[in-house]
């Protein structure tokens, strides 16, 4: 018969809350020894603390295995509660500051150029209306630098692309962006649709260097595009300027180019179904000690993104 834990009605008043924190460290580290090394404590003291918590709970929370520990059903249930409690404790000072209308400070957001997102813009406007003492600083950089700055702790929040997944970051989908290959009004290709990209090998291109996303780089390389470079700009808006002036053809996000297309300055060369598409994300460090303004902005944008209707 499976062990049935006893119900201790005085559990909340008797339990040492530090034991709950230690239990979370053990699970996250994957073992008692790993938790001891991470916390710079002796392994026997960690084992004793776990045993004390299990005595309080009245059942086994983890089983030792050759590779570390395996969390029991009771352990998984307690882990969810612990994480909720610690998240609530982490948010407490931010919510208190918000309640007494004493939020001041700076929110720094590292982002790629040409972000066109109503959710992002409305979150900034909403934070300013509710907390005029918060300053918003937007830093524009190539997408890899956005990720690197977050990992180095030089920024807490970011907006950008990632071709992979970095374990130290969280990813909240912001919107799907599409790119199109454009030429100017006086270009010989204006008015044509190109279904075979290999036909463009001998065309002069405008490239965006470090600002070019992996998905575009791979597409160009697959078809041998961009070997002839007529122009170069690290910013999407400046690349669009060069394409519009007839310097060469190039890939630009469709939202950034929409106005120039509408007034006939640019022509989309690819069929719509051939446009490269990818997700842009609201990025944050996984385990930071955020200041209140930054946490409030992150809460605001995540709330808006998760409230969107499912397509």
C-alpha atoms as a PDB file:
ATOM      1  CA  UNK A   1       0.000   0.000   0.000  1.00  0.00           C
ATOM      2  CA  UNK A   2       1.334   3.483  -0.778  1.00  0.00           C
ATOM      3  CA  UNK A   3       2.277   5.614   2.184  1.00  0.00           C
ATOM      4  CA  UNK A   4      -0.507   8.004   3.245  1.00  0.00           C
ATOM      5  CA  UNK A   5       0.922  11.222   4.693  1.00  0.00           C
ATOM      6  CA  UNK A   6      -0.584  12.437   7.917  1.00  0.00           C
ATOM      7  CA  UNK A   7      -2.335  15.807   7.846  1.00  0.00           C
ATOM      8  CA  UNK A   8      -0.649  18.277  10.194  1.00  0.00           C
ATOM      9  CA  UNK A   9      -3.103  21.086  10.777  1.00  0.00           C
ATOM     10  CA  UNK A  10      -0.343  23.200  12.382  1.00  0.00           C
ATOM     11  CA  UNK A  11       2.060  22.693   9.484  1.00  0.00           C
ATOM     12  CA  UNK A  12       2.165  26.370   8.462  1.00  0.00           C
ATOM     13  CA  UNK A  13       3.053  27.554  11.969  1.00  0.00           C
ATOM     14  CA  UNK A  14       5.617  24.813  12.669  1.00  0.00           C
ATOM     15  CA  UNK A  15       7.513  24.453   9.400  1.00  0.00           C
ATOM     16  CA  UNK A  16      10.805  26.241   8.857  1.00  0.00           C
ATOM     17  CA  UNK A  17      10.330  28.220   5.626  1.00  0.00           C
ATOM     18  CA  UNK A  18      14.058  27.941   4.927  1.00  0.00           C
ATOM     19  CA  UNK A  19      13.545  24.185   4.571  1.00  0.00           C
ATOM     20  CA  UNK A  20      11.083  24.827   1.749  1.00  0.00           C
ATOM     21  CA  UNK A  21      13.633  27.042   0.015  1.00  0.00           C
ATOM     22  CA  UNK A  22      16.280  24.345   0.455  1.00  0.00           C
ATOM     23  CA  UNK A  23      13.945  21.725  -1.033  1.00  0.00           C
ATOM     24  CA  UNK A  24      13.515  23.856  -4.163  1.00  0.00           C
ATOM     25  CA  UNK A  25      17.316  24.180  -4.442  1.00  0.00           C
ATOM     26  CA  UNK A  26      17.697  20.383  -4.247  1.00  0.00           C
ATOM     27  CA  UNK A  27      15.155  19.798  -7.010  1.00  0.00           C
ATOM     28  CA  UNK A  28      16.549  22.542  -9.269  1.00  0.00           C
ATOM     29  CA  UNK A  29      20.127  21.346  -8.770  1.00  0.00           C
ATOM     30  CA  UNK A  30      19.116  17.751  -9.499  1.00  0.00           C
ATOM     31  CA  UNK A  31      20.572  16.244  -6.335  1.00  0.00           C
ATOM     32  CA  UNK A  32      21.631  16.759  -2.730  1.00  0.00           C
ATOM     33  CA  UNK A  33      25.341  16.918  -3.539  1.00  0.00           C
ATOM     34  CA  UNK A  34      24.778  19.369  -6.388  1.00  0.00           C
ATOM     35  CA  UNK A  35      22.659  21.584  -4.119  1.00  0.00           C
ATOM     36  CA  UNK A  36      25.353  21.500  -1.428  1.00  0.00           C
ATOM     37  CA  UNK A  37      27.999  22.611  -3.922  1.00  0.00           C
ATOM     38  CA  UNK A  38      25.767  25.373  -5.309  1.00  0.00           C
ATOM     39  CA  UNK A  39      24.964  26.658  -1.814  1.00  0.00           C
ATOM     40  CA  UNK A  40      28.529  26.135  -0.528  1.00  0.00           C
ATOM     41  CA  UNK A  41      27.307  23.924   2.312  1.00  0.00           C
ATOM     42  CA  UNK A  42      28.182  20.453   3.580  1.00  0.00           C
ATOM     43  CA  UNK A  43      26.205  17.594   2.044  1.00  0.00           C
ATOM     44  CA  UNK A  44      25.267  16.010   5.413  1.00  0.00           C
ATOM     45  CA  UNK A  45      23.631  19.279   6.522  1.00  0.00           C
ATOM     46  CA  UNK A  46      21.562  19.354   3.312  1.00  0.00           C
ATOM     47  CA  UNK A  47      20.505  15.717   3.829  1.00  0.00           C
ATOM     48  CA  UNK A  48      19.547  16.436   7.437  1.00  0.00           C
ATOM     49  CA  UNK A  49      17.488  19.460   6.425  1.00  0.00           C
ATOM     50  CA  UNK A  50      15.646  17.430   3.781  1.00  0.00           C
ATOM     51  CA  UNK A  51      14.920  14.706   6.348  1.00  0.00           C
ATOM     52  CA  UNK A  52      13.549  17.338   8.746  1.00  0.00           C
ATOM     53  CA  UNK A  53      11.214  18.700   6.052  1.00  0.00           C
ATOM     54  CA  UNK A  54      10.010  15.198   5.156  1.00  0.00           C
ATOM     55  CA  UNK A  55       9.292  14.606   8.855  1.00  0.00           C
ATOM     56  CA  UNK A  56       7.202  17.800   8.895  1.00  0.00           C
ATOM     57  CA  UNK A  57       5.351  16.783   5.732  1.00  0.00           C
ATOM     58  CA  UNK A  58       4.926  13.187   6.858  1.00  0.00           C
ATOM     59  CA  UNK A  59       6.049  11.552   3.603  1.00  0.00           C
ATOM     60  CA  UNK A  60       9.032  11.148   1.279  1.00  0.00           C
ATOM     61  CA  UNK A  61       9.628  14.055  -1.116  1.00  0.00           C
ATOM     62  CA  UNK A  62      12.548  12.737  -3.180  1.00  0.00           C
ATOM     63  CA  UNK A  63      14.195   9.386  -3.850  1.00  0.00           C
ATOM     64  CA  UNK A  64      17.944   9.167  -4.285  1.00  0.00           C
ATOM     65  CA  UNK A  65      19.064   7.700  -7.597  1.00  0.00           C
ATOM     66  CA  UNK A  66      22.421   7.014  -9.230  1.00  0.00           C
ATOM     67  CA  UNK A  67      22.153  10.279 -11.150  1.00  0.00           C
ATOM     68  CA  UNK A  68      20.763  12.485  -8.341  1.00  0.00           C
ATOM     69  CA  UNK A  69      17.202  12.549  -7.020  1.00  0.00           C
ATOM     70  CA  UNK A  70      13.765  11.647  -8.310  1.00  0.00           C
ATOM     71  CA  UNK A  71      10.876  13.796  -7.072  1.00  0.00           C
ATOM     72  CA  UNK A  72       7.910  11.858  -5.688  1.00  0.00           C
ATOM     73  CA  UNK A  73       4.285  12.752  -6.336  1.00  0.00           C
ATOM     74  CA  UNK A  74       4.168  14.483  -2.951  1.00  0.00           C
ATOM     75  CA  UNK A  75       7.394  16.305  -3.787  1.00  0.00           C
ATOM     76  CA  UNK A  76       5.994  17.554  -7.079  1.00  0.00           C
ATOM     77  CA  UNK A  77       2.891  18.884  -5.338  1.00  0.00           C
ATOM     78  CA  UNK A  78       4.992  20.668  -2.711  1.00  0.00           C
ATOM     79  CA  UNK A  79       7.346  22.049  -5.363  1.00  0.00           C
ATOM     80  CA  UNK A  80       4.486  23.794  -7.166  1.00  0.00           C
ATOM     81  CA  UNK A  81       3.340  25.380  -3.910  1.00  0.00           C
ATOM     82  CA  UNK A  82       6.878  26.449  -2.985  1.00  0.00           C
ATOM     83  CA  UNK A  83       7.488  28.088  -6.342  1.00  0.00           C
ATOM     84  CA  UNK A  84       4.179  29.946  -6.068  1.00  0.00           C
ATOM     85  CA  UNK A  85       5.088  31.164  -2.580  1.00  0.00           C
ATOM     86  CA  UNK A  86       8.542  32.333  -3.589  1.00  0.00           C
ATOM     87  CA  UNK A  87       7.168  34.098  -6.664  1.00  0.00           C
ATOM     88  CA  UNK A  88       4.607  35.867  -4.467  1.00  0.00           C
ATOM     89  CA  UNK A  89       7.360  36.876  -2.034  1.00  0.00           C
ATOM     90  CA  UNK A  90       9.512  38.158  -4.907  1.00  0.00           C
ATOM     91  CA  UNK A  91       6.662  40.299  -6.233  1.00  0.00           C
ATOM     92  CA  UNK A  92       5.632  41.662  -2.807  1.00  0.00           C
ATOM     93  CA  UNK A  93       7.912  44.748  -2.722  1.00  0.00           C
ATOM     94  CA  UNK A  94       7.020  45.619  -6.313  1.00  0.00           C
ATOM     95  CA  UNK A  95       3.287  45.407  -5.628  1.00  0.00           C
ATOM     96  CA  UNK A  96       3.629  47.429  -2.399  1.00  0.00           C
ATOM     97  CA  UNK A  97       5.540  50.165  -4.218  1.00  0.00           C
ATOM     98  CA  UNK A  98       2.860  50.210  -6.905  1.00  0.00           C
ATOM     99  CA  UNK A  99       0.062  50.404  -4.334  1.00  0.00           C
ATOM    100  CA  UNK A 100       1.508  53.484  -2.647  1.00  0.00           C
ATOM    101  CA  UNK A 101       2.270  55.173  -6.006  1.00  0.00           C
ATOM    102  CA  UNK A 102       5.980  55.500  -5.272  1.00  0.00           C
ATOM    103  CA  UNK A 103       7.501  53.843  -8.318  1.00  0.00           C
ATOM    104  CA  UNK A 104      10.436  55.679  -9.863  1.00  0.00           C
ATOM    105  CA  UNK A 105      13.352  54.420 -11.875  1.00  0.00           C
ATOM    106  CA  UNK A 106      14.572  53.323 -15.285  1.00  0.00           C
ATOM    107  CA  UNK A 107      13.483  50.444 -17.532  1.00  0.00           C
ATOM    108  CA  UNK A 108      16.199  49.525 -20.055  1.00  0.00           C
ATOM    109  CA  UNK A 109      15.136  47.402 -22.998  1.00  0.00           C
ATOM    110  CA  UNK A 110      17.717  46.079 -25.468  1.00  0.00           C
ATOM    111  CA  UNK A 111      16.031  45.510 -28.828  1.00  0.00           C
ATOM    112  CA  UNK A 112      16.569  44.983 -32.522  1.00  0.00           C
ATOM    113  CA  UNK A 113      15.645  47.757 -34.935  1.00  0.00           C
ATOM    114  CA  UNK A 114      12.259  48.164 -36.583  1.00  0.00           C
ATOM    115  CA  UNK A 115      10.003  46.571 -33.953  1.00  0.00           C
ATOM    116  CA  UNK A 116       6.394  47.279 -34.932  1.00  0.00           C
ATOM    117  CA  UNK A 117       4.134  45.824 -32.233  1.00  0.00           C
ATOM    118  CA  UNK A 118       0.946  47.429 -30.852  1.00  0.00           C
ATOM    119  CA  UNK A 119       1.201  45.285 -27.694  1.00  0.00           C
ATOM    120  CA  UNK A 120       4.726  46.537 -27.010  1.00  0.00           C
ATOM    121  CA  UNK A 121       3.790  50.165 -27.665  1.00  0.00           C
ATOM    122  CA  UNK A 122       0.630  49.987 -25.549  1.00  0.00           C
ATOM    123  CA  UNK A 123       2.541  48.441 -22.642  1.00  0.00           C
ATOM    124  CA  UNK A 124       4.991  51.360 -22.690  1.00  0.00           C
ATOM    125  CA  UNK A 125       2.148  53.895 -22.841  1.00  0.00           C
ATOM    126  CA  UNK A 126       0.223  52.155 -20.050  1.00  0.00           C
ATOM    127  CA  UNK A 127       3.235  52.084 -17.718  1.00  0.00           C
ATOM    128  CA  UNK A 128       3.843  55.783 -18.341  1.00  0.00           C
ATOM    129  CA  UNK A 129       0.211  56.707 -17.617  1.00  0.00           C
ATOM    130  CA  UNK A 130       0.140  54.749 -14.365  1.00  0.00           C
ATOM    131  CA  UNK A 131       3.702  55.477 -13.254  1.00  0.00           C
ATOM    132  CA  UNK A 132       4.967  58.757 -14.756  1.00  0.00           C
ATOM    133  CA  UNK A 133       8.090  58.497 -12.570  1.00  0.00           C
ATOM    134  CA  UNK A 134       9.323  55.520 -14.622  1.00  0.00           C
ATOM    135  CA  UNK A 135      11.673  56.321 -17.498  1.00  0.00           C
ATOM    136  CA  UNK A 136      11.850  54.030 -20.540  1.00  0.00           C
ATOM    137  CA  UNK A 137      15.167  53.615 -22.353  1.00  0.00           C
ATOM    138  CA  UNK A 138      15.269  51.692 -25.651  1.00  0.00           C
ATOM    139  CA  UNK A 139      18.683  50.531 -26.833  1.00  0.00           C
ATOM    140  CA  UNK A 140      18.932  49.267 -30.422  1.00  0.00           C
ATOM    141  CA  UNK A 141      21.516  46.649 -31.363  1.00  0.00           C
ATOM    142  CA  UNK A 142      21.938  43.602 -33.638  1.00  0.00           C
ATOM    143  CA  UNK A 143      19.972  40.564 -32.488  1.00  0.00           C
ATOM    144  CA  UNK A 144      22.953  38.586 -31.193  1.00  0.00           C
ATOM    145  CA  UNK A 145      24.022  41.523 -29.042  1.00  0.00           C
ATOM    146  CA  UNK A 146      20.508  41.653 -27.560  1.00  0.00           C
ATOM    147  CA  UNK A 147      20.882  38.034 -26.414  1.00  0.00           C
ATOM    148  CA  UNK A 148      24.469  38.466 -25.223  1.00  0.00           C
ATOM    149  CA  UNK A 149      23.619  41.606 -23.228  1.00  0.00           C
ATOM    150  CA  UNK A 150      20.842  39.747 -21.435  1.00  0.00           C
ATOM    151  CA  UNK A 151      23.068  36.780 -20.646  1.00  0.00           C
ATOM    152  CA  UNK A 152      25.839  39.062 -19.346  1.00  0.00           C
ATOM    153  CA  UNK A 153      23.351  40.867 -17.103  1.00  0.00           C
ATOM    154  CA  UNK A 154      23.850  44.209 -18.869  1.00  0.00           C
ATOM    155  CA  UNK A 155      20.112  44.298 -19.631  1.00  0.00           C
ATOM    156  CA  UNK A 156      17.155  42.660 -17.918  1.00  0.00           C
ATOM    157  CA  UNK A 157      14.674  42.868 -20.804  1.00  0.00           C
ATOM    158  CA  UNK A 158      15.017  42.508 -24.554  1.00  0.00           C
ATOM    159  CA  UNK A 159      13.028  42.304 -27.761  1.00  0.00           C
ATOM    160  CA  UNK A 160      14.388  40.242 -30.591  1.00  0.00           C
ATOM    161  CA  UNK A 161      14.965  37.032 -32.458  1.00  0.00           C
ATOM    162  CA  UNK A 162      16.710  33.820 -31.470  1.00  0.00           C
ATOM    163  CA  UNK A 163      17.377  30.905 -33.800  1.00  0.00           C
ATOM    164  CA  UNK A 164      17.867  28.624 -30.774  1.00  0.00           C
ATOM    165  CA  UNK A 165      16.990  28.651 -27.079  1.00  0.00           C
ATOM    166  CA  UNK A 166      19.297  29.910 -24.332  1.00  0.00           C
ATOM    167  CA  UNK A 167      18.709  28.308 -20.941  1.00  0.00           C
ATOM    168  CA  UNK A 168      19.237  31.550 -19.024  1.00  0.00           C
ATOM    169  CA  UNK A 169      16.446  33.406 -20.847  1.00  0.00           C
ATOM    170  CA  UNK A 170      12.664  33.308 -20.957  1.00  0.00           C
ATOM    171  CA  UNK A 171      10.833  33.729 -24.272  1.00  0.00           C
ATOM    172  CA  UNK A 172       7.384  35.307 -24.538  1.00  0.00           C
ATOM    173  CA  UNK A 173       6.186  35.349 -28.193  1.00  0.00           C
ATOM    174  CA  UNK A 174       5.611  38.987 -29.191  1.00  0.00           C
ATOM    175  CA  UNK A 175       4.531  38.586 -32.817  1.00  0.00           C
ATOM    176  CA  UNK A 176       5.357  36.772 -36.025  1.00  0.00           C
ATOM    177  CA  UNK A 177       7.445  38.880 -38.366  1.00  0.00           C
ATOM    178  CA  UNK A 178       7.759  38.287 -42.098  1.00  0.00           C
ATOM    179  CA  UNK A 179      10.387  39.545 -44.501  1.00  0.00           C
ATOM    180  CA  UNK A 180      10.121  40.263 -48.199  1.00  0.00           C
ATOM    181  CA  UNK A 181      12.644  40.914 -50.940  1.00  0.00           C
ATOM    182  CA  UNK A 182      12.169  44.428 -52.344  1.00  0.00           C
ATOM    183  CA  UNK A 183      13.367  46.494 -55.277  1.00  0.00           C
ATOM    184  CA  UNK A 184      12.879  50.187 -56.081  1.00  0.00           C
ATOM    185  CA  UNK A 185      10.463  51.675 -58.602  1.00  0.00           C
ATOM    186  CA  UNK A 186      13.144  52.225 -61.282  1.00  0.00           C
ATOM    187  CA  UNK A 187      14.711  48.770 -60.889  1.00  0.00           C
ATOM    188  CA  UNK A 188      14.350  46.454 -63.949  1.00  0.00           C
ATOM    189  CA  UNK A 189      12.610  43.851 -61.740  1.00  0.00           C
ATOM    190  CA  UNK A 190       9.850  46.256 -60.598  1.00  0.00           C
ATOM    191  CA  UNK A 191       6.431  44.676 -61.240  1.00  0.00           C
ATOM    192  CA  UNK A 192       7.747  41.100 -61.527  1.00  0.00           C
ATOM    193  CA  UNK A 193       7.244  38.131 -59.194  1.00  0.00           C
ATOM    194  CA  UNK A 194      10.257  35.880 -58.636  1.00  0.00           C
ATOM    195  CA  UNK A 195       9.469  32.231 -57.878  1.00  0.00           C
ATOM    196  CA  UNK A 196      12.994  30.878 -58.486  1.00  0.00           C
ATOM    197  CA  UNK A 197      15.419  32.677 -56.206  1.00  0.00           C
ATOM    198  CA  UNK A 198      18.405  31.333 -58.102  1.00  0.00           C
ATOM    199  CA  UNK A 199      17.545  33.811 -60.875  1.00  0.00           C
ATOM    200  CA  UNK A 200      18.745  36.622 -58.575  1.00  0.00           C
ATOM    201  CA  UNK A 201      22.351  35.424 -58.133  1.00  0.00           C
ATOM    202  CA  UNK A 202      23.719  38.215 -60.318  1.00  0.00           C
ATOM    203  CA  UNK A 203      21.686  41.002 -58.715  1.00  0.00           C
ATOM    204  CA  UNK A 204      23.336  43.628 -56.518  1.00  0.00           C
ATOM    205  CA  UNK A 205      22.076  43.449 -52.911  1.00  0.00           C
ATOM    206  CA  UNK A 206      21.762  45.754 -49.938  1.00  0.00           C
ATOM    207  CA  UNK A 207      22.736  43.783 -46.815  1.00  0.00           C
ATOM    208  CA  UNK A 208      22.207  44.490 -43.126  1.00  0.00           C
ATOM    209  CA  UNK A 209      25.346  42.842 -41.751  1.00  0.00           C
ATOM    210  CA  UNK A 210      25.084  41.862 -38.081  1.00  0.00           C
ATOM    211  CA  UNK A 211      21.440  42.938 -38.081  1.00  0.00           C
ATOM    212  CA  UNK A 212      20.555  40.189 -40.567  1.00  0.00           C
ATOM    213  CA  UNK A 213      18.707  37.288 -38.957  1.00  0.00           C
ATOM    214  CA  UNK A 214      19.907  33.692 -39.299  1.00  0.00           C
ATOM    215  CA  UNK A 215      16.793  32.697 -41.233  1.00  0.00           C
ATOM    216  CA  UNK A 216      17.580  35.313 -43.919  1.00  0.00           C
ATOM    217  CA  UNK A 217      21.300  34.503 -44.012  1.00  0.00           C
ATOM    218  CA  UNK A 218      20.565  30.805 -44.561  1.00  0.00           C
ATOM    219  CA  UNK A 219      18.053  31.605 -47.303  1.00  0.00           C
ATOM    220  CA  UNK A 220      20.542  33.843 -49.137  1.00  0.00           C
ATOM    221  CA  UNK A 221      23.318  31.303 -48.851  1.00  0.00           C
ATOM    222  CA  UNK A 222      21.091  28.486 -50.104  1.00  0.00           C
ATOM    223  CA  UNK A 223      20.451  30.335 -53.362  1.00  0.00           C
ATOM    224  CA  UNK A 224      23.757  32.188 -53.677  1.00  0.00           C
ATOM    225  CA  UNK A 225      22.224  35.627 -53.146  1.00  0.00           C
ATOM    226  CA  UNK A 226      24.179  38.661 -52.007  1.00  0.00           C
ATOM    227  CA  UNK A 227      27.560  37.784 -53.503  1.00  0.00           C
ATOM    228  CA  UNK A 228      27.334  41.175 -55.222  1.00  0.00           C
ATOM    229  CA  UNK A 229      26.970  43.833 -52.523  1.00  0.00           C
ATOM    230  CA  UNK A 230      25.968  47.312 -53.673  1.00  0.00           C
ATOM    231  CA  UNK A 231      25.055  48.670 -50.262  1.00  0.00           C
ATOM    232  CA  UNK A 232      25.360  47.926 -46.557  1.00  0.00           C
ATOM    233  CA  UNK A 233      23.521  49.278 -43.497  1.00  0.00           C
ATOM    234  CA  UNK A 234      23.424  47.854 -39.956  1.00  0.00           C
ATOM    235  CA  UNK A 235      19.965  49.346 -39.324  1.00  0.00           C
ATOM    236  CA  UNK A 236      16.788  48.154 -41.084  1.00  0.00           C
ATOM    237  CA  UNK A 237      15.549  51.701 -41.736  1.00  0.00           C
ATOM    238  CA  UNK A 238      18.825  52.726 -43.376  1.00  0.00           C
ATOM    239  CA  UNK A 239      18.867  49.548 -45.467  1.00  0.00           C
ATOM    240  CA  UNK A 240      15.333  50.406 -46.589  1.00  0.00           C
ATOM    241  CA  UNK A 241      16.582  53.883 -47.582  1.00  0.00           C
ATOM    242  CA  UNK A 242      19.301  52.389 -49.813  1.00  0.00           C
ATOM    243  CA  UNK A 243      16.870  49.948 -51.453  1.00  0.00           C
ATOM    244  CA  UNK A 244      14.327  52.731 -52.036  1.00  0.00           C
ATOM    245  CA  UNK A 245      17.060  54.819 -53.709  1.00  0.00           C
ATOM    246  CA  UNK A 246      17.797  51.992 -56.148  1.00  0.00           C
ATOM    247  CA  UNK A 247      21.191  50.960 -54.733  1.00  0.00           C
ATOM    248  CA  UNK A 248      20.197  47.286 -54.782  1.00  0.00           C
ATOM    249  CA  UNK A 249      17.538  44.783 -53.804  1.00  0.00           C
ATOM    250  CA  UNK A 250      17.261  43.479 -50.255  1.00  0.00           C
ATOM    251  CA  UNK A 251      15.270  41.777 -47.516  1.00  0.00           C
ATOM    252  CA  UNK A 252      13.243  44.055 -45.206  1.00  0.00           C
ATOM    253  CA  UNK A 253      10.511  43.248 -42.639  1.00  0.00           C
ATOM    254  CA  UNK A 254       7.138  43.684 -44.334  1.00  0.00           C
ATOM    255  CA  UNK A 255       5.741  45.970 -41.625  1.00  0.00           C
ATOM    256  CA  UNK A 256       8.742  48.293 -41.887  1.00  0.00           C
ATOM    257  CA  UNK A 257       8.353  48.484 -45.678  1.00  0.00           C
ATOM    258  CA  UNK A 258       4.551  48.766 -45.774  1.00  0.00           C
ATOM    259  CA  UNK A 259       4.356  52.538 -46.310  1.00  0.00           C
ATOM    260  CA  UNK A 260       6.970  52.530 -49.099  1.00  0.00           C
ATOM    261  CA  UNK A 261       5.110  49.660 -50.804  1.00  0.00           C
ATOM    262  CA  UNK A 262       1.757  51.454 -50.482  1.00  0.00           C
ATOM    263  CA  UNK A 263       3.073  54.594 -52.205  1.00  0.00           C
ATOM    264  CA  UNK A 264       4.819  52.618 -54.960  1.00  0.00           C
ATOM    265  CA  UNK A 265       8.413  53.287 -53.906  1.00  0.00           C
ATOM    266  CA  UNK A 266       9.133  49.594 -53.300  1.00  0.00           C
ATOM    267  CA  UNK A 267       8.000  46.411 -55.019  1.00  0.00           C
ATOM    268  CA  UNK A 268       7.778  42.989 -53.284  1.00  0.00           C
ATOM    269  CA  UNK A 269       9.507  40.456 -55.522  1.00  0.00           C
ATOM    270  CA  UNK A 270       8.464  37.224 -53.782  1.00  0.00           C
ATOM    271  CA  UNK A 271       4.994  35.652 -53.721  1.00  0.00           C
ATOM    272  CA  UNK A 272       3.469  36.159 -50.282  1.00  0.00           C
ATOM    273  CA  UNK A 273       3.576  32.429 -49.498  1.00  0.00           C
ATOM    274  CA  UNK A 274       7.358  32.464 -50.042  1.00  0.00           C
ATOM    275  CA  UNK A 275       8.063  35.210 -47.487  1.00  0.00           C
ATOM    276  CA  UNK A 276      10.410  34.016 -44.699  1.00  0.00           C
ATOM    277  CA  UNK A 277       8.603  34.091 -41.321  1.00  0.00           C
ATOM    278  CA  UNK A 278       9.889  33.801 -37.740  1.00  0.00           C
ATOM    279  CA  UNK A 279       8.901  34.740 -34.191  1.00  0.00           C
ATOM    280  CA  UNK A 280      10.112  37.797 -32.320  1.00  0.00           C
ATOM    281  CA  UNK A 281      10.120  37.514 -28.532  1.00  0.00           C
ATOM    282  CA  UNK A 282       9.894  39.561 -25.368  1.00  0.00           C
ATOM    283  CA  UNK A 283      13.019  38.299 -23.634  1.00  0.00           C
ATOM    284  CA  UNK A 284      13.978  38.352 -19.965  1.00  0.00           C
ATOM    285  CA  UNK A 285      16.642  36.810 -17.785  1.00  0.00           C
ATOM    286  CA  UNK A 286      15.431  33.660 -16.013  1.00  0.00           C
ATOM    287  CA  UNK A 287      16.479  34.368 -12.434  1.00  0.00           C
ATOM    288  CA  UNK A 288      17.226  38.056 -11.960  1.00  0.00           C
ATOM    289  CA  UNK A 289      16.739  40.393  -9.017  1.00  0.00           C
ATOM    290  CA  UNK A 290      14.734  42.941 -10.962  1.00  0.00           C
ATOM    291  CA  UNK A 291      14.000  46.427  -9.746  1.00  0.00           C
ATOM    292  CA  UNK A 292      10.353  47.418  -9.399  1.00  0.00           C
ATOM    293  CA  UNK A 293       9.996  49.455 -12.635  1.00  0.00           C
ATOM    294  CA  UNK A 294      11.434  46.619 -14.726  1.00  0.00           C
ATOM    295  CA  UNK A 295       9.245  44.008 -13.049  1.00  0.00           C
ATOM    296  CA  UNK A 296       6.111  46.126 -13.508  1.00  0.00           C
ATOM    297  CA  UNK A 297       6.835  46.606 -17.214  1.00  0.00           C
ATOM    298  CA  UNK A 298       7.478  42.884 -17.713  1.00  0.00           C
ATOM    299  CA  UNK A 299       4.236  42.027 -15.894  1.00  0.00           C
ATOM    300  CA  UNK A 300       2.339  44.519 -18.080  1.00  0.00           C
ATOM    301  CA  UNK A 301       3.612  43.254 -21.441  1.00  0.00           C
ATOM    302  CA  UNK A 302       3.281  39.560 -20.496  1.00  0.00           C
ATOM    303  CA  UNK A 303      -0.293  40.156 -19.298  1.00  0.00           C
ATOM    304  CA  UNK A 304      -1.167  41.762 -22.631  1.00  0.00           C
ATOM    305  CA  UNK A 305       0.475  39.049 -24.692  1.00  0.00           C
ATOM    306  CA  UNK A 306      -1.206  36.200 -22.812  1.00  0.00           C
ATOM    307  CA  UNK A 307      -4.608  37.912 -23.023  1.00  0.00           C
ATOM    308  CA  UNK A 308      -4.567  37.886 -26.818  1.00  0.00           C
ATOM    309  CA  UNK A 309      -7.147  35.594 -28.425  1.00  0.00           C
ATOM    310  CA  UNK A 310      -5.750  32.331 -29.725  1.00  0.00           C
ATOM    311  CA  UNK A 311      -5.593  32.357 -33.516  1.00  0.00           C
END
